[in-house]
């Protein structure tokens, strides 16, 4: 049967009497019905499940990435804790190098004794106003001494070797008037002390709005 005969036969089909259709028409109709059922089944049953599966896979990738990131953070937590403990120990060691209020006078005396041991002549040793910081106070002292180059080097080295923290700022060295071999050193020697509990309480910001 050629295509034209098949078309003519289809055109002559009695739609009210399917039982009289040729066998090949029944087969073709059954195939079309099966394809339609498969297509509808895919669109309404298989495709939504497939999209749901793809969405689940995407969420799995995201969750896996988040899990790996959190796992790395957990693995590094012990190292962070150890590092924090070391920082606290270092901070405590530095804090112990700061004298208390009652020890400042002894520290200033140590600086003066260091100057004497270095054979420097003192023109000025004048404590300045104390400057309070967050947890410590800065105590600047204006000093002017005279001596030769080696004596000044010895003095600065001895001050740096003191068990308490002392810094030398605003250093100015010039030839001493009328003394060819003598130098005049002007500097600001800063010592530090830690604030006691009552002083720390004073430095904390007061609550706004008159809160009690």
N, C-alpha and C. Protein backbone atom coordinates (compact mmCIF):
# COMPACT_ATOMS: atom_id res chain seq x y z
N UNK A 1 0.86 -1.20 0.00
CA UNK A 1 0.00 0.00 0.00
C UNK A 1 0.88 1.24 0.00
N UNK A 2 0.58 2.11 -0.97
CA UNK A 2 1.37 3.34 -1.02
C UNK A 2 0.73 4.41 -0.15
N UNK A 3 1.40 5.56 -0.09
CA UNK A 3 0.96 6.64 0.79
C UNK A 3 -0.39 7.19 0.39
N UNK A 4 -0.62 7.35 -0.91
CA UNK A 4 -1.89 7.90 -1.38
C UNK A 4 -3.06 6.99 -1.02
N UNK A 5 -2.86 5.65 -1.21
CA UNK A 5 -3.92 4.71 -0.86
C UNK A 5 -4.21 4.75 0.64
N UNK A 6 -3.15 4.89 1.41
CA UNK A 6 -3.34 4.95 2.86
C UNK A 6 -4.12 6.19 3.26
N UNK A 7 -3.83 7.32 2.60
CA UNK A 7 -4.55 8.56 2.91
C UNK A 7 -6.02 8.43 2.54
N UNK A 8 -6.26 7.87 1.35
CA UNK A 8 -7.65 7.69 0.93
C UNK A 8 -8.40 6.78 1.89
N UNK A 9 -7.72 5.71 2.37
CA UNK A 9 -8.37 4.79 3.28
C UNK A 9 -8.68 5.46 4.61
N UNK A 10 -7.75 6.32 5.06
CA UNK A 10 -8.00 7.05 6.30
C UNK A 10 -9.17 8.00 6.16
N UNK A 11 -9.28 8.64 5.00
CA UNK A 11 -10.38 9.58 4.76
C UNK A 11 -11.73 8.88 4.71
N UNK A 12 -11.71 7.60 4.34
CA UNK A 12 -12.97 6.86 4.21
C UNK A 12 -13.36 6.12 5.49
N UNK A 13 -12.59 6.29 6.56
CA UNK A 13 -12.90 5.58 7.80
C UNK A 13 -14.21 6.06 8.39
N UNK A 14 -14.96 5.11 8.94
CA UNK A 14 -16.21 5.43 9.63
C UNK A 14 -15.88 5.62 11.11
N UNK A 15 -15.93 6.88 11.55
CA UNK A 15 -15.54 7.21 12.91
C UNK A 15 -16.51 6.62 13.94
N UNK A 16 -17.72 6.29 13.51
CA UNK A 16 -18.69 5.72 14.43
C UNK A 16 -18.58 4.20 14.50
N UNK A 17 -17.75 3.61 13.65
CA UNK A 17 -17.61 2.15 13.64
C UNK A 17 -16.14 1.77 13.60
N UNK A 18 -15.40 1.96 14.72
CA UNK A 18 -13.97 1.66 14.74
C UNK A 18 -13.67 0.20 14.48
N UNK A 19 -14.64 -0.68 14.75
CA UNK A 19 -14.40 -2.09 14.54
C UNK A 19 -14.19 -2.46 13.09
N UNK A 20 -14.65 -1.60 12.18
CA UNK A 20 -14.50 -1.87 10.76
C UNK A 20 -13.21 -1.31 10.18
N UNK A 21 -12.39 -0.66 11.02
CA UNK A 21 -11.15 -0.08 10.52
C UNK A 21 -10.17 -1.19 10.14
N UNK A 22 -9.29 -0.92 9.19
CA UNK A 22 -8.25 -1.90 8.83
C UNK A 22 -7.31 -2.15 10.02
N UNK A 23 -6.65 -3.27 10.00
CA UNK A 23 -5.76 -3.65 11.12
C UNK A 23 -4.63 -2.66 11.31
N UNK A 24 -4.10 -2.19 10.19
CA UNK A 24 -2.95 -1.28 10.31
C UNK A 24 -3.34 0.04 10.97
N UNK A 25 -4.65 0.43 10.79
CA UNK A 25 -5.11 1.66 11.45
C UNK A 25 -5.19 1.45 12.95
N UNK A 26 -5.68 0.24 13.34
CA UNK A 26 -5.74 -0.08 14.77
C UNK A 26 -4.34 -0.05 15.39
N UNK A 27 -3.37 -0.61 14.66
CA UNK A 27 -1.99 -0.64 15.17
C UNK A 27 -1.44 0.78 15.30
N UNK A 28 -1.68 1.58 14.25
CA UNK A 28 -1.19 2.96 14.28
C UNK A 28 -1.82 3.75 15.41
N UNK A 29 -3.14 3.55 15.61
CA UNK A 29 -3.84 4.25 16.68
C UNK A 29 -3.30 3.84 18.04
N UNK A 30 -3.02 2.52 18.18
CA UNK A 30 -2.48 2.04 19.44
C UNK A 30 -1.10 2.63 19.72
N UNK A 31 -0.27 2.73 18.67
CA UNK A 31 1.07 3.32 18.83
C UNK A 31 0.97 4.78 19.22
N UNK A 32 0.09 5.52 18.54
CA UNK A 32 -0.08 6.95 18.86
C UNK A 32 -0.59 7.13 20.30
N UNK A 33 -1.55 6.25 20.68
CA UNK A 33 -2.06 6.35 22.05
C UNK A 33 -0.96 6.06 23.07
N UNK A 34 -0.10 5.06 22.76
CA UNK A 34 0.99 4.73 23.67
C UNK A 34 1.98 5.89 23.78
N UNK A 35 2.29 6.51 22.62
CA UNK A 35 3.21 7.66 22.64
C UNK A 35 2.62 8.82 23.42
N UNK A 36 1.29 9.03 23.26
CA UNK A 36 0.64 10.11 24.00
C UNK A 36 0.69 9.85 25.50
N UNK A 37 0.42 8.58 25.86
CA UNK A 37 0.46 8.24 27.30
C UNK A 37 1.86 8.41 27.86
N UNK A 38 2.87 7.96 27.07
CA UNK A 38 4.26 8.11 27.52
C UNK A 38 4.63 9.59 27.67
N UNK A 39 4.20 10.40 26.68
CA UNK A 39 4.50 11.83 26.74
C UNK A 39 3.86 12.51 27.94
N UNK A 40 2.56 12.17 28.16
CA UNK A 40 1.88 12.75 29.32
C UNK A 40 2.49 12.26 30.63
N UNK A 41 2.85 10.99 30.65
CA UNK A 41 3.47 10.45 31.87
C UNK A 41 4.80 11.11 32.17
N UNK A 42 5.56 11.39 31.11
CA UNK A 42 6.86 12.05 31.32
C UNK A 42 6.66 13.46 31.86
N UNK A 43 5.74 14.22 31.25
CA UNK A 43 5.54 15.61 31.64
C UNK A 43 4.95 15.74 33.04
N UNK A 44 4.04 14.82 33.40
CA UNK A 44 3.33 14.96 34.68
C UNK A 44 3.92 14.12 35.80
N UNK A 45 4.71 13.11 35.46
CA UNK A 45 5.23 12.22 36.51
C UNK A 45 6.76 12.21 36.54
N UNK A 46 7.40 11.97 35.40
CA UNK A 46 8.85 11.81 35.37
C UNK A 46 9.57 13.15 35.44
N UNK A 47 9.14 14.12 34.64
CA UNK A 47 9.86 15.40 34.57
C UNK A 47 9.92 16.12 35.92
N UNK A 48 8.79 16.23 36.66
CA UNK A 48 8.88 16.89 37.98
C UNK A 48 9.86 16.19 38.92
N UNK A 49 9.87 14.84 38.88
CA UNK A 49 10.80 14.10 39.72
C UNK A 49 12.24 14.36 39.30
N UNK A 50 12.44 14.46 37.98
CA UNK A 50 13.79 14.73 37.47
C UNK A 50 14.26 16.12 37.91
N UNK A 51 13.37 17.12 37.80
CA UNK A 51 13.73 18.48 38.23
C UNK A 51 13.99 18.51 39.74
N UNK A 52 13.17 17.76 40.48
CA UNK A 52 13.37 17.68 41.93
C UNK A 52 14.72 17.04 42.26
N UNK A 53 15.08 16.02 41.48
CA UNK A 53 16.38 15.37 41.67
C UNK A 53 17.53 16.32 41.38
N UNK A 54 17.41 17.10 40.30
CA UNK A 54 18.45 18.06 39.95
C UNK A 54 18.58 19.13 41.04
N UNK A 55 17.42 19.57 41.55
CA UNK A 55 17.46 20.56 42.62
C UNK A 55 18.13 19.98 43.87
N UNK A 56 17.82 18.71 44.16
CA UNK A 56 18.46 18.05 45.30
C UNK A 56 19.96 17.94 45.13
N UNK A 57 20.40 17.65 43.91
CA UNK A 57 21.83 17.56 43.64
C UNK A 57 22.50 18.92 43.83
N UNK A 58 21.84 19.98 43.37
CA UNK A 58 22.41 21.33 43.55
C UNK A 58 22.54 21.67 45.03
N UNK A 59 21.47 21.36 45.80
CA UNK A 59 21.53 21.63 47.24
C UNK A 59 22.59 20.78 47.93
N UNK A 60 22.79 19.58 47.42
CA UNK A 60 23.82 18.72 47.98
C UNK A 60 25.21 19.33 47.81
N UNK A 61 25.45 19.91 46.62
CA UNK A 61 26.75 20.55 46.36
C UNK A 61 26.96 21.72 47.33
N UNK A 62 25.89 22.54 47.52
CA UNK A 62 26.00 23.69 48.42
C UNK A 62 26.25 23.23 49.86
N UNK A 63 25.47 22.22 50.29
CA UNK A 63 25.63 21.72 51.66
C UNK A 63 26.99 21.08 51.87
N UNK A 64 27.47 20.38 50.85
CA UNK A 64 28.79 19.75 50.97
C UNK A 64 29.88 20.82 51.11
N UNK A 65 29.74 21.90 50.31
CA UNK A 65 30.71 23.00 50.40
C UNK A 65 30.69 23.64 51.78
N UNK A 66 29.46 23.88 52.31
CA UNK A 66 29.34 24.47 53.64
C UNK A 66 29.92 23.53 54.70
N UNK A 67 29.67 22.24 54.55
CA UNK A 67 30.18 21.26 55.52
C UNK A 67 31.71 21.25 55.52
N UNK A 68 32.31 21.26 54.32
CA UNK A 68 33.77 21.23 54.24
C UNK A 68 34.36 22.50 54.84
N UNK A 69 33.69 23.65 54.59
CA UNK A 69 34.17 24.91 55.16
C UNK A 69 34.11 24.89 56.68
N UNK A 70 32.99 24.41 57.23
CA UNK A 70 32.85 24.34 58.69
C UNK A 70 33.79 23.31 59.29
N UNK A 71 34.02 22.22 58.56
CA UNK A 71 34.94 21.19 59.04
C UNK A 71 36.35 21.75 59.17
N UNK A 72 36.76 22.58 58.19
CA UNK A 72 38.09 23.20 58.25
C UNK A 72 38.19 24.15 59.44
N UNK A 73 37.08 24.89 59.70
CA UNK A 73 37.10 25.81 60.84
C UNK A 73 37.21 25.06 62.16
N UNK A 74 36.47 23.95 62.24
CA UNK A 74 36.53 23.14 63.47
C UNK A 74 37.93 22.56 63.66
N UNK A 75 38.53 22.10 62.53
CA UNK A 75 39.87 21.53 62.61
C UNK A 75 40.89 22.57 63.07
N UNK A 76 40.65 23.85 62.68
CA UNK A 76 41.59 24.91 63.06
C UNK A 76 41.27 25.53 64.41
N UNK A 77 40.15 25.10 65.03
CA UNK A 77 39.74 25.72 66.29
C UNK A 77 40.77 25.52 67.39
N UNK A 78 41.33 24.31 67.48
CA UNK A 78 42.33 24.05 68.51
C UNK A 78 43.55 24.94 68.33
N UNK A 79 43.95 25.12 67.05
CA UNK A 79 45.10 25.99 66.77
C UNK A 79 44.79 27.43 67.17
N UNK A 80 43.54 27.88 66.90
CA UNK A 80 43.15 29.24 67.28
C UNK A 80 43.16 29.40 68.80
N UNK A 81 42.66 28.38 69.50
CA UNK A 81 42.63 28.44 70.97
C UNK A 81 44.05 28.51 71.53
N UNK A 82 44.95 27.71 70.95
CA UNK A 82 46.33 27.72 71.42
C UNK A 82 46.99 29.06 71.15
N UNK A 83 46.69 29.62 69.95
CA UNK A 83 47.25 30.93 69.61
C UNK A 83 46.73 32.01 70.55
N UNK A 84 45.42 31.93 70.87
CA UNK A 84 44.84 32.91 71.79
C UNK A 84 45.46 32.80 73.17
N UNK A 85 45.67 31.56 73.63
CA UNK A 85 46.29 31.36 74.94
C UNK A 85 47.71 31.93 74.96
N UNK A 86 48.44 31.74 73.86
CA UNK A 86 49.80 32.28 73.78
C UNK A 86 49.78 33.80 73.79
N UNK A 87 48.81 34.40 73.08
CA UNK A 87 48.69 35.86 73.08
C UNK A 87 48.37 36.37 74.48
N UNK A 88 47.50 35.64 75.20
CA UNK A 88 47.17 36.06 76.57
C UNK A 88 48.39 35.95 77.48
N UNK A 89 49.19 34.89 77.28
CA UNK A 89 50.42 34.77 78.09
C UNK A 89 51.40 35.90 77.78
N UNK A 90 51.53 36.22 76.49
CA UNK A 90 52.44 37.30 76.09
C UNK A 90 51.96 38.63 76.64
N UNK A 91 50.63 38.85 76.56
CA UNK A 91 50.08 40.10 77.09
C UNK A 91 50.31 40.19 78.59
N UNK A 92 50.11 39.06 79.29
CA UNK A 92 50.33 39.06 80.73
C UNK A 92 51.78 39.35 81.09
N UNK A 93 52.71 38.80 80.28
CA UNK A 93 54.13 39.05 80.53
C UNK A 93 54.46 40.52 80.31
N UNK A 94 53.87 41.12 79.27
CA UNK A 94 54.11 42.54 79.02
C UNK A 94 53.51 43.39 80.12
N UNK A 95 52.30 42.98 80.57
CA UNK A 95 51.65 43.75 81.61
C UNK A 95 52.46 43.73 82.91
N UNK A 96 53.11 42.59 83.17
CA UNK A 96 53.93 42.48 84.39
C UNK A 96 55.16 43.38 84.33
N UNK A 97 55.51 43.81 83.11
CA UNK A 97 56.63 44.74 82.98
C UNK A 97 56.24 46.17 83.30
N UNK A 98 54.97 46.42 83.46
CA UNK A 98 54.51 47.76 83.82
C UNK A 98 54.44 47.86 85.34
N UNK A 99 55.03 48.89 85.90
CA UNK A 99 54.99 49.03 87.36
C UNK A 99 53.61 49.50 87.82
N UNK A 100 53.36 49.31 89.11
CA UNK A 100 52.14 49.86 89.70
C UNK A 100 52.41 51.32 90.05
N UNK A 101 51.37 51.96 90.55
CA UNK A 101 51.51 53.38 90.90
C UNK A 101 52.60 53.59 91.95
N UNK A 102 52.69 52.66 92.90
CA UNK A 102 53.67 52.82 93.98
C UNK A 102 55.09 52.54 93.52
N UNK A 103 55.25 51.85 92.37
CA UNK A 103 56.59 51.50 91.90
C UNK A 103 57.18 52.52 90.94
N UNK A 104 56.37 53.49 90.52
CA UNK A 104 56.84 54.47 89.52
C UNK A 104 58.03 55.26 90.05
N UNK A 105 57.96 55.67 91.32
CA UNK A 105 59.05 56.48 91.89
C UNK A 105 60.36 55.70 91.84
N UNK A 106 60.32 54.40 92.15
CA UNK A 106 61.53 53.58 92.09
C UNK A 106 62.06 53.48 90.66
N UNK A 107 61.13 53.39 89.69
CA UNK A 107 61.55 53.30 88.29
C UNK A 107 62.23 54.59 87.85
N UNK A 108 61.66 55.73 88.24
CA UNK A 108 62.29 57.01 87.90
C UNK A 108 63.66 57.12 88.55
N UNK A 109 63.79 56.59 89.75
CA UNK A 109 65.09 56.59 90.41
C UNK A 109 66.08 55.70 89.68
N UNK A 110 65.58 54.57 89.13
CA UNK A 110 66.45 53.68 88.36
C UNK A 110 67.00 54.39 87.12
N UNK A 111 66.15 55.20 86.49
CA UNK A 111 66.61 55.95 85.31
C UNK A 111 67.69 56.95 85.72
N UNK A 112 67.48 57.63 86.84
CA UNK A 112 68.49 58.58 87.33
C UNK A 112 69.80 57.88 87.68
N UNK A 113 69.70 56.72 88.32
CA UNK A 113 70.91 55.97 88.67
C UNK A 113 71.64 55.49 87.42
N UNK A 114 70.87 55.15 86.38
CA UNK A 114 71.47 54.74 85.10
C UNK A 114 72.24 55.91 84.50
N UNK A 115 71.68 57.10 84.62
CA UNK A 115 72.37 58.30 84.12
C UNK A 115 73.67 58.53 84.89
N UNK A 116 73.60 58.35 86.22
CA UNK A 116 74.80 58.53 87.05
C UNK A 116 75.85 57.48 86.68
N UNK A 117 75.43 56.22 86.50
CA UNK A 117 76.36 55.14 86.16
C UNK A 117 77.02 55.37 84.81
N UNK A 118 76.35 56.10 83.94
CA UNK A 118 76.92 56.39 82.61
C UNK A 118 77.78 57.65 82.62
N UNK A 119 77.94 58.25 83.78
CA UNK A 119 78.78 59.44 83.97
C UNK A 119 78.29 60.64 83.16
N UNK A 120 76.97 60.74 82.99
CA UNK A 120 76.40 61.90 82.30
C UNK A 120 76.03 62.97 83.32
N UNK A 121 76.16 64.22 82.90
CA UNK A 121 75.75 65.35 83.74
C UNK A 121 74.28 65.66 83.45
N UNK A 122 73.52 65.89 84.49
CA UNK A 122 72.09 66.14 84.32
C UNK A 122 71.80 67.63 84.35
N UNK A 123 71.14 68.11 83.30
CA UNK A 123 70.66 69.49 83.28
C UNK A 123 69.19 69.56 83.68
N UNK A 124 68.44 68.53 83.29
CA UNK A 124 67.00 68.57 83.56
C UNK A 124 66.46 67.15 83.66
N UNK A 125 65.61 66.91 84.65
CA UNK A 125 64.85 65.66 84.75
C UNK A 125 63.49 66.08 85.30
N UNK A 126 62.52 66.26 84.39
CA UNK A 126 61.25 66.88 84.77
C UNK A 126 60.08 65.97 84.36
N UNK A 127 59.43 65.34 85.32
CA UNK A 127 58.24 64.53 85.00
C UNK A 127 57.13 65.40 84.43
N UNK A 128 56.47 64.89 83.38
CA UNK A 128 55.37 65.60 82.74
C UNK A 128 54.04 65.02 83.24
N UNK A 129 52.96 65.63 82.79
CA UNK A 129 51.64 65.17 83.22
C UNK A 129 51.38 63.75 82.71
N UNK A 130 50.78 62.92 83.56
CA UNK A 130 50.46 61.54 83.22
C UNK A 130 49.36 61.49 82.16
N UNK A 131 49.49 60.57 81.21
CA UNK A 131 48.49 60.41 80.15
C UNK A 131 47.87 59.02 80.28
N UNK A 132 46.59 58.97 80.55
CA UNK A 132 45.94 57.68 80.73
C UNK A 132 45.45 57.11 79.39
N UNK A 133 45.69 55.84 79.20
CA UNK A 133 45.23 55.11 78.04
C UNK A 133 44.13 54.14 78.47
N UNK A 134 43.87 53.13 77.65
CA UNK A 134 42.77 52.21 77.94
C UNK A 134 43.01 51.38 79.19
N UNK A 135 44.21 50.81 79.34
CA UNK A 135 44.47 49.97 80.50
C UNK A 135 45.80 50.29 81.16
N UNK A 136 46.44 51.36 80.72
CA UNK A 136 47.71 51.75 81.32
C UNK A 136 47.83 53.27 81.28
N UNK A 137 48.83 53.77 81.98
CA UNK A 137 49.10 55.20 81.98
C UNK A 137 50.51 55.45 81.47
N UNK A 138 50.66 56.49 80.70
CA UNK A 138 51.97 56.88 80.14
C UNK A 138 52.51 58.04 80.97
N UNK A 139 53.77 57.88 81.41
CA UNK A 139 54.38 58.90 82.26
C UNK A 139 55.62 59.45 81.55
N UNK A 140 55.49 60.57 80.84
CA UNK A 140 56.64 61.15 80.15
C UNK A 140 57.52 61.97 81.10
N UNK A 141 58.81 61.93 80.83
CA UNK A 141 59.77 62.69 81.63
C UNK A 141 60.75 63.38 80.69
N UNK A 142 60.78 64.70 80.77
CA UNK A 142 61.71 65.47 79.93
C UNK A 142 63.09 65.43 80.57
N UNK A 143 64.09 64.96 79.80
CA UNK A 143 65.45 64.88 80.34
C UNK A 143 66.42 65.61 79.42
N UNK A 144 67.41 66.24 80.01
CA UNK A 144 68.52 66.85 79.27
C UNK A 144 69.80 66.47 80.00
N UNK A 145 70.70 65.79 79.30
CA UNK A 145 71.97 65.36 79.88
C UNK A 145 73.10 65.73 78.93
N UNK A 146 74.31 65.82 79.50
CA UNK A 146 75.48 66.13 78.69
C UNK A 146 76.57 65.10 78.96
N UNK A 147 77.35 64.82 77.94
CA UNK A 147 78.43 63.85 78.06
C UNK A 147 78.99 63.55 76.68
N UNK A 148 79.92 62.59 76.60
CA UNK A 148 80.47 62.27 75.28
C UNK A 148 79.61 61.19 74.61
N UNK A 149 79.98 60.88 73.39
CA UNK A 149 79.20 59.95 72.57
C UNK A 149 79.06 58.58 73.23
N UNK A 150 80.15 58.05 73.76
CA UNK A 150 80.12 56.71 74.36
C UNK A 150 79.28 56.68 75.62
N UNK A 151 79.34 57.74 76.41
CA UNK A 151 78.54 57.80 77.63
C UNK A 151 77.05 57.79 77.31
N UNK A 152 76.68 58.53 76.26
CA UNK A 152 75.27 58.57 75.87
C UNK A 152 74.81 57.22 75.33
N UNK A 153 75.67 56.56 74.56
CA UNK A 153 75.34 55.23 74.06
C UNK A 153 75.16 54.25 75.20
N UNK A 154 76.02 54.35 76.21
CA UNK A 154 75.92 53.48 77.37
C UNK A 154 74.63 53.75 78.13
N UNK A 155 74.23 55.01 78.25
CA UNK A 155 73.02 55.38 78.96
C UNK A 155 71.78 54.82 78.27
N UNK A 156 71.70 55.02 76.96
CA UNK A 156 70.53 54.55 76.21
C UNK A 156 70.43 53.02 76.28
N UNK A 157 71.57 52.32 76.18
CA UNK A 157 71.57 50.86 76.25
C UNK A 157 71.14 50.38 77.63
N UNK A 158 71.60 51.07 78.67
CA UNK A 158 71.25 50.68 80.04
C UNK A 158 69.77 50.91 80.31
N UNK A 159 69.23 52.00 79.79
CA UNK A 159 67.79 52.26 79.96
C UNK A 159 66.97 51.17 79.26
N UNK A 160 67.40 50.77 78.05
CA UNK A 160 66.68 49.72 77.31
C UNK A 160 66.74 48.39 78.04
N UNK A 161 67.80 48.18 78.86
CA UNK A 161 67.97 46.91 79.56
C UNK A 161 67.25 46.87 80.90
N UNK A 162 66.62 47.96 81.31
CA UNK A 162 65.88 47.96 82.57
C UNK A 162 64.75 46.92 82.53
N UNK A 163 64.44 46.29 83.67
CA UNK A 163 63.40 45.26 83.69
C UNK A 163 62.01 45.82 83.40
N UNK A 164 61.82 47.11 83.56
CA UNK A 164 60.55 47.75 83.24
C UNK A 164 60.65 48.43 81.87
N UNK A 165 59.48 48.64 81.25
CA UNK A 165 59.46 49.23 79.91
C UNK A 165 59.72 50.72 80.01
N UNK A 166 60.73 51.18 79.28
CA UNK A 166 61.05 52.61 79.16
C UNK A 166 61.39 52.88 77.70
N UNK A 167 60.77 53.90 77.14
CA UNK A 167 61.07 54.27 75.75
C UNK A 167 61.65 55.68 75.72
N UNK A 168 62.50 55.92 74.74
CA UNK A 168 63.14 57.23 74.57
C UNK A 168 62.64 57.83 73.27
N UNK A 169 61.93 58.95 73.34
CA UNK A 169 61.38 59.62 72.16
C UNK A 169 61.89 61.05 72.09
N UNK A 170 61.58 61.66 70.93
CA UNK A 170 61.91 63.08 70.70
C UNK A 170 63.38 63.37 71.03
N UNK A 171 64.26 62.51 70.55
CA UNK A 171 65.68 62.63 70.85
C UNK A 171 66.30 63.74 69.98
N UNK A 172 67.06 64.60 70.63
CA UNK A 172 67.79 65.65 69.92
C UNK A 172 69.21 65.72 70.52
N UNK A 173 70.21 65.54 69.69
CA UNK A 173 71.60 65.58 70.15
C UNK A 173 72.33 66.69 69.39
N UNK A 174 73.00 67.50 70.13
CA UNK A 174 73.80 68.58 69.51
C UNK A 174 75.05 68.81 70.35
N UNK A 175 75.99 69.49 69.77
CA UNK A 175 77.23 69.78 70.49
C UNK A 175 76.95 70.71 71.66
N UNK A 176 77.58 70.41 72.80
CA UNK A 176 77.39 71.23 73.97
C UNK A 176 78.17 72.53 73.80
N UNK A 177 77.57 73.64 74.18
CA UNK A 177 78.21 74.94 74.00
C UNK A 177 79.50 75.02 74.81
N UNK A 178 80.57 75.41 74.12
CA UNK A 178 81.86 75.59 74.77
C UNK A 178 82.59 74.30 75.06
N UNK A 179 82.04 73.15 74.64
CA UNK A 179 82.69 71.86 74.89
C UNK A 179 82.78 71.09 73.58
N UNK A 180 83.95 71.00 73.00
CA UNK A 180 84.11 70.37 71.70
C UNK A 180 83.81 68.88 71.72
N UNK A 181 84.16 68.20 72.81
CA UNK A 181 83.98 66.75 72.87
C UNK A 181 82.69 66.35 73.57
N UNK A 182 81.97 67.33 74.07
CA UNK A 182 80.75 67.04 74.82
C UNK A 182 79.51 67.22 73.95
N UNK A 183 78.53 66.36 74.20
CA UNK A 183 77.26 66.43 73.48
C UNK A 183 76.14 66.71 74.48
N UNK A 184 75.09 67.30 73.96
CA UNK A 184 73.92 67.61 74.81
C UNK A 184 72.73 66.82 74.25
N UNK A 185 72.16 65.95 75.08
CA UNK A 185 71.04 65.10 74.67
C UNK A 185 69.76 65.58 75.33
N UNK A 186 68.78 65.89 74.49
CA UNK A 186 67.45 66.24 74.98
C UNK A 186 66.49 65.16 74.48
N UNK A 187 65.67 64.62 75.38
CA UNK A 187 64.77 63.53 74.99
C UNK A 187 63.58 63.47 75.92
N UNK A 188 62.61 62.67 75.52
CA UNK A 188 61.44 62.42 76.35
C UNK A 188 61.45 60.94 76.70
N UNK A 189 61.77 60.65 77.97
CA UNK A 189 61.79 59.27 78.43
C UNK A 189 60.41 58.92 78.96
N UNK A 190 59.79 57.91 78.33
CA UNK A 190 58.43 57.54 78.72
C UNK A 190 58.44 56.24 79.51
N UNK A 191 57.87 56.29 80.69
CA UNK A 191 57.65 55.07 81.46
C UNK A 191 56.15 54.81 81.49
N UNK A 192 55.79 53.63 81.91
CA UNK A 192 54.39 53.23 81.86
C UNK A 192 54.03 52.50 83.15
N UNK A 193 52.79 52.60 83.54
CA UNK A 193 52.30 51.83 84.68
C UNK A 193 50.91 51.32 84.34
N UNK A 194 50.53 50.21 84.96
CA UNK A 194 49.19 49.70 84.71
C UNK A 194 48.20 50.37 85.65
N UNK A 195 46.96 50.47 85.23
CA UNK A 195 45.91 51.08 86.03
C UNK A 195 45.31 50.03 86.97
N UNK A 196 45.07 50.44 88.21
CA UNK A 196 44.42 49.50 89.13
C UNK A 196 42.92 49.43 88.83
N UNK A 197 42.22 48.58 89.54
CA UNK A 197 40.80 48.33 89.23
C UNK A 197 39.95 49.59 89.31
N UNK A 198 40.20 50.42 90.32
CA UNK A 198 39.40 51.64 90.47
C UNK A 198 39.66 52.59 89.31
N UNK A 199 40.92 52.66 88.86
CA UNK A 199 41.24 53.54 87.73
C UNK A 199 40.67 53.00 86.43
N UNK A 200 40.67 51.67 86.27
CA UNK A 200 40.07 51.07 85.07
C UNK A 200 38.58 51.37 85.02
N UNK A 201 37.93 51.34 86.17
CA UNK A 201 36.50 51.64 86.22
C UNK A 201 36.23 53.07 85.77
N UNK A 202 37.15 53.98 86.10
CA UNK A 202 36.98 55.38 85.71
C UNK A 202 37.13 55.57 84.20
N UNK A 203 37.94 54.72 83.57
CA UNK A 203 38.17 54.87 82.13
C UNK A 203 37.05 54.29 81.29
N UNK A 204 36.20 53.43 81.89
CA UNK A 204 35.11 52.81 81.13
C UNK A 204 34.04 53.86 80.81
N UNK A 205 33.47 53.81 79.58
CA UNK A 205 32.43 54.78 79.22
C UNK A 205 31.19 54.62 80.11
N UNK A 206 30.63 55.73 80.52
CA UNK A 206 29.47 55.69 81.38
C UNK A 206 28.21 55.44 80.53
N UNK A 207 27.26 54.65 81.06
CA UNK A 207 26.03 54.36 80.29
C UNK A 207 25.26 55.62 80.00
N UNK A 208 24.66 55.68 78.81
CA UNK A 208 23.89 56.85 78.41
C UNK A 208 22.48 56.80 79.00
N UNK A 209 21.84 57.94 79.00
CA UNK A 209 20.45 57.99 79.44
C UNK A 209 20.27 57.89 80.94
N UNK A 210 21.37 58.02 81.69
CA UNK A 210 21.26 57.97 83.13
C UNK A 210 20.91 56.62 83.69
N UNK A 211 21.29 55.55 82.93
CA UNK A 211 21.00 54.19 83.41
C UNK A 211 21.76 53.91 84.68
N UNK A 212 21.11 53.22 85.60
CA UNK A 212 21.73 52.92 86.90
C UNK A 212 22.35 51.53 86.84
